[in-house]
């Protein structure tokens, strides 16, 4: 990803996946039933991982069976959501 603010980290211990067993959909918790994998999440500039758990994503999409089709990964929609978040600011500090 060409944006220098984007980060990718390997999570061999699956800490993040376990932290996101539940995501919100239309304001209601949606239990994934498994560790989150093949899930793409966007966060605003204020998101911080704190105790007791991870930040809520501003938007998420997936490629998993049995989850809502309206959130199945659509690269163009996802890019549009990312651009809207970036335009909305505030800009995170590197």
N, C-alpha and C. Protein backbone atom coordinates (compact mmCIF):
# COMPACT_ATOMS: atom_id res chain seq x y z
N UNK A 1 0.85 -1.16 0.00
CA UNK A 1 0.00 0.00 0.00
C UNK A 1 0.90 1.23 0.00
N UNK A 2 0.71 2.16 -0.92
CA UNK A 2 1.63 3.27 -1.06
C UNK A 2 1.54 4.34 0.03
N UNK A 3 0.49 4.36 0.83
CA UNK A 3 0.35 5.38 1.87
C UNK A 3 1.30 5.07 3.02
N UNK A 4 2.20 5.99 3.37
CA UNK A 4 3.18 5.70 4.43
C UNK A 4 2.55 5.51 5.81
N UNK A 5 1.28 5.90 5.97
CA UNK A 5 0.61 5.70 7.26
C UNK A 5 0.10 4.28 7.42
N UNK A 6 0.00 3.54 6.33
CA UNK A 6 -0.47 2.15 6.41
C UNK A 6 0.64 1.28 6.99
N UNK A 7 0.25 0.36 7.84
CA UNK A 7 1.23 -0.53 8.47
C UNK A 7 0.77 -1.98 8.32
N UNK A 8 1.72 -2.88 8.19
CA UNK A 8 1.43 -4.30 8.15
C UNK A 8 2.34 -4.98 9.14
N UNK A 9 1.74 -5.79 10.01
CA UNK A 9 2.52 -6.51 11.02
C UNK A 9 2.12 -7.98 10.98
N UNK A 10 3.07 -8.87 11.13
CA UNK A 10 2.80 -10.30 11.23
C UNK A 10 2.37 -10.61 12.65
N UNK A 11 1.29 -11.36 12.80
CA UNK A 11 0.74 -11.69 14.12
C UNK A 11 0.68 -13.20 14.26
N UNK A 12 1.86 -13.82 14.41
CA UNK A 12 1.93 -15.27 14.51
C UNK A 12 1.17 -15.84 15.70
N UNK A 13 1.01 -15.07 16.75
CA UNK A 13 0.27 -15.53 17.93
C UNK A 13 -1.23 -15.30 17.84
N UNK A 14 -1.69 -14.72 16.73
CA UNK A 14 -3.10 -14.46 16.46
C UNK A 14 -3.78 -13.59 17.53
N UNK A 15 -3.04 -12.70 18.14
CA UNK A 15 -3.59 -11.82 19.17
C UNK A 15 -4.69 -10.93 18.58
N UNK A 16 -4.43 -10.37 17.43
CA UNK A 16 -5.42 -9.49 16.81
C UNK A 16 -6.67 -10.28 16.41
N UNK A 17 -6.49 -11.42 15.79
CA UNK A 17 -7.63 -12.24 15.38
C UNK A 17 -8.52 -12.61 16.55
N UNK A 18 -7.92 -12.96 17.67
CA UNK A 18 -8.72 -13.29 18.87
C UNK A 18 -9.41 -12.05 19.42
N UNK A 19 -8.77 -10.90 19.28
CA UNK A 19 -9.36 -9.66 19.75
C UNK A 19 -10.58 -9.25 18.96
N UNK A 20 -10.67 -9.73 17.73
CA UNK A 20 -11.79 -9.38 16.86
C UNK A 20 -12.67 -10.58 16.54
N UNK A 21 -13.07 -11.31 17.54
CA UNK A 21 -14.06 -12.39 17.34
C UNK A 21 -15.45 -11.80 17.15
N UNK A 22 -15.63 -10.55 17.62
CA UNK A 22 -16.91 -9.86 17.49
C UNK A 22 -16.66 -8.51 16.84
N UNK A 23 -17.44 -8.21 15.82
CA UNK A 23 -17.41 -6.90 15.17
C UNK A 23 -18.83 -6.36 15.15
N UNK A 24 -18.96 -5.06 15.04
CA UNK A 24 -20.30 -4.47 15.01
C UNK A 24 -20.77 -4.36 13.57
N UNK A 25 -22.07 -4.59 13.41
CA UNK A 25 -22.74 -4.43 12.12
C UNK A 25 -24.03 -3.68 12.41
N UNK A 26 -24.18 -2.51 11.82
CA UNK A 26 -25.35 -1.67 12.08
C UNK A 26 -25.54 -1.40 13.56
N UNK A 27 -24.43 -1.20 14.28
CA UNK A 27 -24.46 -0.88 15.69
C UNK A 27 -24.68 -2.06 16.63
N UNK A 28 -24.86 -3.25 16.08
CA UNK A 28 -25.08 -4.45 16.90
C UNK A 28 -23.88 -5.38 16.80
N UNK A 29 -23.52 -6.04 17.91
CA UNK A 29 -22.41 -7.00 17.86
C UNK A 29 -22.73 -8.18 16.94
N UNK A 30 -21.77 -8.57 16.17
CA UNK A 30 -21.87 -9.74 15.29
C UNK A 30 -20.76 -10.69 15.69
N UNK A 31 -21.13 -11.83 16.24
CA UNK A 31 -20.14 -12.82 16.66
C UNK A 31 -19.67 -13.59 15.44
N UNK A 32 -18.39 -13.46 15.12
CA UNK A 32 -17.83 -14.16 13.97
C UNK A 32 -17.78 -15.67 14.21
N UNK A 33 -17.75 -16.06 15.48
CA UNK A 33 -17.68 -17.47 15.83
C UNK A 33 -16.28 -18.05 15.72
N UNK A 34 -15.36 -17.26 15.20
CA UNK A 34 -13.97 -17.69 15.02
C UNK A 34 -13.08 -16.47 15.20
N UNK A 35 -11.79 -16.71 15.24
CA UNK A 35 -10.85 -15.59 15.21
C UNK A 35 -11.00 -14.88 13.87
N UNK A 36 -10.89 -13.57 13.89
CA UNK A 36 -11.01 -12.80 12.65
C UNK A 36 -9.81 -13.08 11.74
N UNK A 37 -10.07 -13.55 10.57
CA UNK A 37 -9.05 -13.71 9.54
C UNK A 37 -9.78 -13.46 8.23
N UNK A 38 -9.07 -13.08 7.21
CA UNK A 38 -9.68 -12.62 5.96
C UNK A 38 -10.71 -11.54 6.24
N UNK A 39 -10.36 -10.67 7.18
CA UNK A 39 -11.18 -9.51 7.51
C UNK A 39 -10.30 -8.28 7.34
N UNK A 40 -10.79 -7.32 6.60
CA UNK A 40 -10.06 -6.08 6.36
C UNK A 40 -10.75 -4.99 7.16
N UNK A 41 -9.96 -4.21 7.91
CA UNK A 41 -10.53 -3.19 8.79
C UNK A 41 -9.87 -1.84 8.54
N UNK A 42 -10.68 -0.81 8.66
CA UNK A 42 -10.20 0.56 8.58
C UNK A 42 -10.45 1.23 9.92
N UNK A 43 -9.50 2.05 10.35
CA UNK A 43 -9.60 2.76 11.62
C UNK A 43 -9.38 4.24 11.38
N UNK A 44 -10.03 5.05 12.20
CA UNK A 44 -9.78 6.48 12.09
C UNK A 44 -8.49 6.82 12.83
N UNK A 45 -8.07 8.06 12.74
CA UNK A 45 -6.80 8.48 13.30
C UNK A 45 -6.74 8.46 14.82
N UNK A 46 -7.88 8.30 15.48
CA UNK A 46 -7.90 8.28 16.94
C UNK A 46 -7.86 6.87 17.51
N UNK A 47 -7.91 5.86 16.70
CA UNK A 47 -7.96 4.47 17.18
C UNK A 47 -6.67 4.09 17.89
N UNK A 48 -6.82 3.50 19.07
CA UNK A 48 -5.67 3.01 19.85
C UNK A 48 -6.04 1.68 20.47
N UNK A 49 -5.09 0.75 20.48
CA UNK A 49 -5.31 -0.54 21.13
C UNK A 49 -5.04 -0.35 22.61
N UNK A 50 -6.06 -0.52 23.43
CA UNK A 50 -5.93 -0.34 24.87
C UNK A 50 -6.58 -1.51 25.58
N UNK A 51 -6.31 -1.61 26.85
CA UNK A 51 -6.96 -2.63 27.67
C UNK A 51 -8.34 -2.10 27.98
N UNK A 52 -9.42 -2.82 27.87
CA UNK A 52 -9.47 -4.28 27.84
C UNK A 52 -9.52 -4.89 26.45
N UNK A 53 -9.48 -4.11 25.39
CA UNK A 53 -9.55 -4.75 24.09
C UNK A 53 -9.17 -3.81 22.96
N UNK A 54 -9.31 -4.30 21.75
CA UNK A 54 -8.90 -3.54 20.58
C UNK A 54 -9.91 -2.44 20.24
N UNK A 55 -9.47 -1.46 19.44
CA UNK A 55 -10.40 -0.41 19.02
C UNK A 55 -11.42 -0.96 18.02
N UNK A 56 -12.55 -0.32 17.99
CA UNK A 56 -13.59 -0.70 17.02
C UNK A 56 -13.23 -0.10 15.67
N UNK A 57 -13.26 -0.91 14.61
CA UNK A 57 -12.95 -0.34 13.30
C UNK A 57 -14.06 0.59 12.84
N UNK A 58 -13.67 1.59 12.04
CA UNK A 58 -14.65 2.49 11.45
C UNK A 58 -15.40 1.78 10.32
N UNK A 59 -14.74 0.81 9.70
CA UNK A 59 -15.36 0.02 8.61
C UNK A 59 -14.64 -1.31 8.53
N UNK A 60 -15.35 -2.36 8.15
CA UNK A 60 -14.70 -3.66 7.94
C UNK A 60 -15.43 -4.41 6.84
N UNK A 61 -14.68 -5.29 6.18
CA UNK A 61 -15.23 -6.19 5.17
C UNK A 61 -14.55 -7.54 5.35
N UNK A 62 -15.08 -8.57 4.72
CA UNK A 62 -14.60 -9.93 4.97
C UNK A 62 -14.62 -10.78 3.69
N UNK A 63 -14.04 -11.96 3.82
CA UNK A 63 -14.12 -13.00 2.78
C UNK A 63 -14.42 -14.34 3.44
N UNK A 64 -15.31 -14.34 4.40
CA UNK A 64 -15.63 -15.54 5.16
C UNK A 64 -17.02 -16.07 4.80
N UNK A 65 -17.21 -17.35 4.93
CA UNK A 65 -18.52 -17.96 4.69
C UNK A 65 -19.42 -17.71 5.88
N UNK A 66 -20.69 -17.46 5.62
CA UNK A 66 -21.67 -17.34 6.69
C UNK A 66 -21.79 -15.96 7.30
N UNK A 67 -21.02 -14.99 6.81
CA UNK A 67 -21.15 -13.63 7.30
C UNK A 67 -21.95 -12.80 6.29
N UNK A 68 -22.44 -11.65 6.69
CA UNK A 68 -23.32 -10.85 5.82
C UNK A 68 -22.70 -10.52 4.47
N UNK A 69 -23.47 -10.77 3.44
CA UNK A 69 -23.01 -10.48 2.08
C UNK A 69 -22.75 -8.99 1.86
N UNK A 70 -23.49 -8.14 2.57
CA UNK A 70 -23.30 -6.69 2.37
C UNK A 70 -21.95 -6.20 2.86
N UNK A 71 -21.21 -7.06 3.57
CA UNK A 71 -19.86 -6.70 4.01
C UNK A 71 -18.80 -7.57 3.34
N UNK A 72 -19.18 -8.33 2.31
CA UNK A 72 -18.18 -9.11 1.58
C UNK A 72 -17.23 -8.13 0.89
N UNK A 73 -15.93 -8.46 0.91
CA UNK A 73 -14.91 -7.56 0.39
C UNK A 73 -15.22 -7.12 -1.03
N UNK A 74 -15.27 -5.81 -1.19
CA UNK A 74 -15.42 -5.16 -2.49
C UNK A 74 -14.29 -4.12 -2.54
N UNK A 75 -13.24 -4.39 -3.33
CA UNK A 75 -12.07 -3.51 -3.31
C UNK A 75 -12.38 -2.04 -3.61
N UNK A 76 -13.29 -1.78 -4.53
CA UNK A 76 -13.60 -0.40 -4.86
C UNK A 76 -14.33 0.29 -3.71
N UNK A 77 -15.28 -0.39 -3.10
CA UNK A 77 -15.99 0.18 -1.96
C UNK A 77 -15.02 0.41 -0.80
N UNK A 78 -14.16 -0.58 -0.54
CA UNK A 78 -13.20 -0.47 0.55
C UNK A 78 -12.27 0.72 0.33
N UNK A 79 -11.79 0.88 -0.90
CA UNK A 79 -10.92 2.02 -1.22
C UNK A 79 -11.66 3.34 -1.02
N UNK A 80 -12.93 3.36 -1.37
CA UNK A 80 -13.73 4.57 -1.17
C UNK A 80 -13.91 4.91 0.29
N UNK A 81 -14.13 3.89 1.12
CA UNK A 81 -14.26 4.09 2.57
C UNK A 81 -12.93 4.60 3.15
N UNK A 82 -11.81 4.04 2.66
CA UNK A 82 -10.49 4.47 3.14
C UNK A 82 -10.24 5.93 2.75
N UNK A 83 -10.60 6.31 1.53
CA UNK A 83 -10.41 7.68 1.08
C UNK A 83 -11.27 8.64 1.90
N UNK A 84 -12.49 8.24 2.21
CA UNK A 84 -13.38 9.09 3.00
C UNK A 84 -12.83 9.28 4.41
N UNK A 85 -12.31 8.22 5.02
CA UNK A 85 -11.71 8.34 6.35
C UNK A 85 -10.49 9.26 6.32
N UNK A 86 -9.68 9.11 5.31
CA UNK A 86 -8.47 9.92 5.19
C UNK A 86 -8.85 11.40 5.02
N UNK A 87 -9.87 11.68 4.24
CA UNK A 87 -10.30 13.05 4.00
C UNK A 87 -10.93 13.68 5.24
N UNK A 88 -11.55 12.85 6.06
CA UNK A 88 -12.24 13.33 7.26
C UNK A 88 -11.26 13.75 8.34
N UNK A 89 -10.04 13.12 8.35
CA UNK A 89 -9.04 13.46 9.36
C UNK A 89 -9.52 13.08 10.74
N UNK A 90 -8.85 13.40 11.81
CA UNK A 90 -7.57 14.09 11.83
C UNK A 90 -6.45 13.16 11.40
N UNK A 91 -5.38 13.75 10.99
CA UNK A 91 -4.24 12.97 10.54
C UNK A 91 -3.51 12.37 11.73
N UNK A 92 -3.24 11.05 11.70
CA UNK A 92 -2.48 10.45 12.80
C UNK A 92 -1.02 10.88 12.75
N UNK A 93 -0.38 10.88 13.89
CA UNK A 93 1.05 11.19 13.94
C UNK A 93 1.84 9.93 13.65
N UNK A 94 2.90 10.04 12.82
CA UNK A 94 3.68 8.84 12.47
C UNK A 94 4.41 8.26 13.66
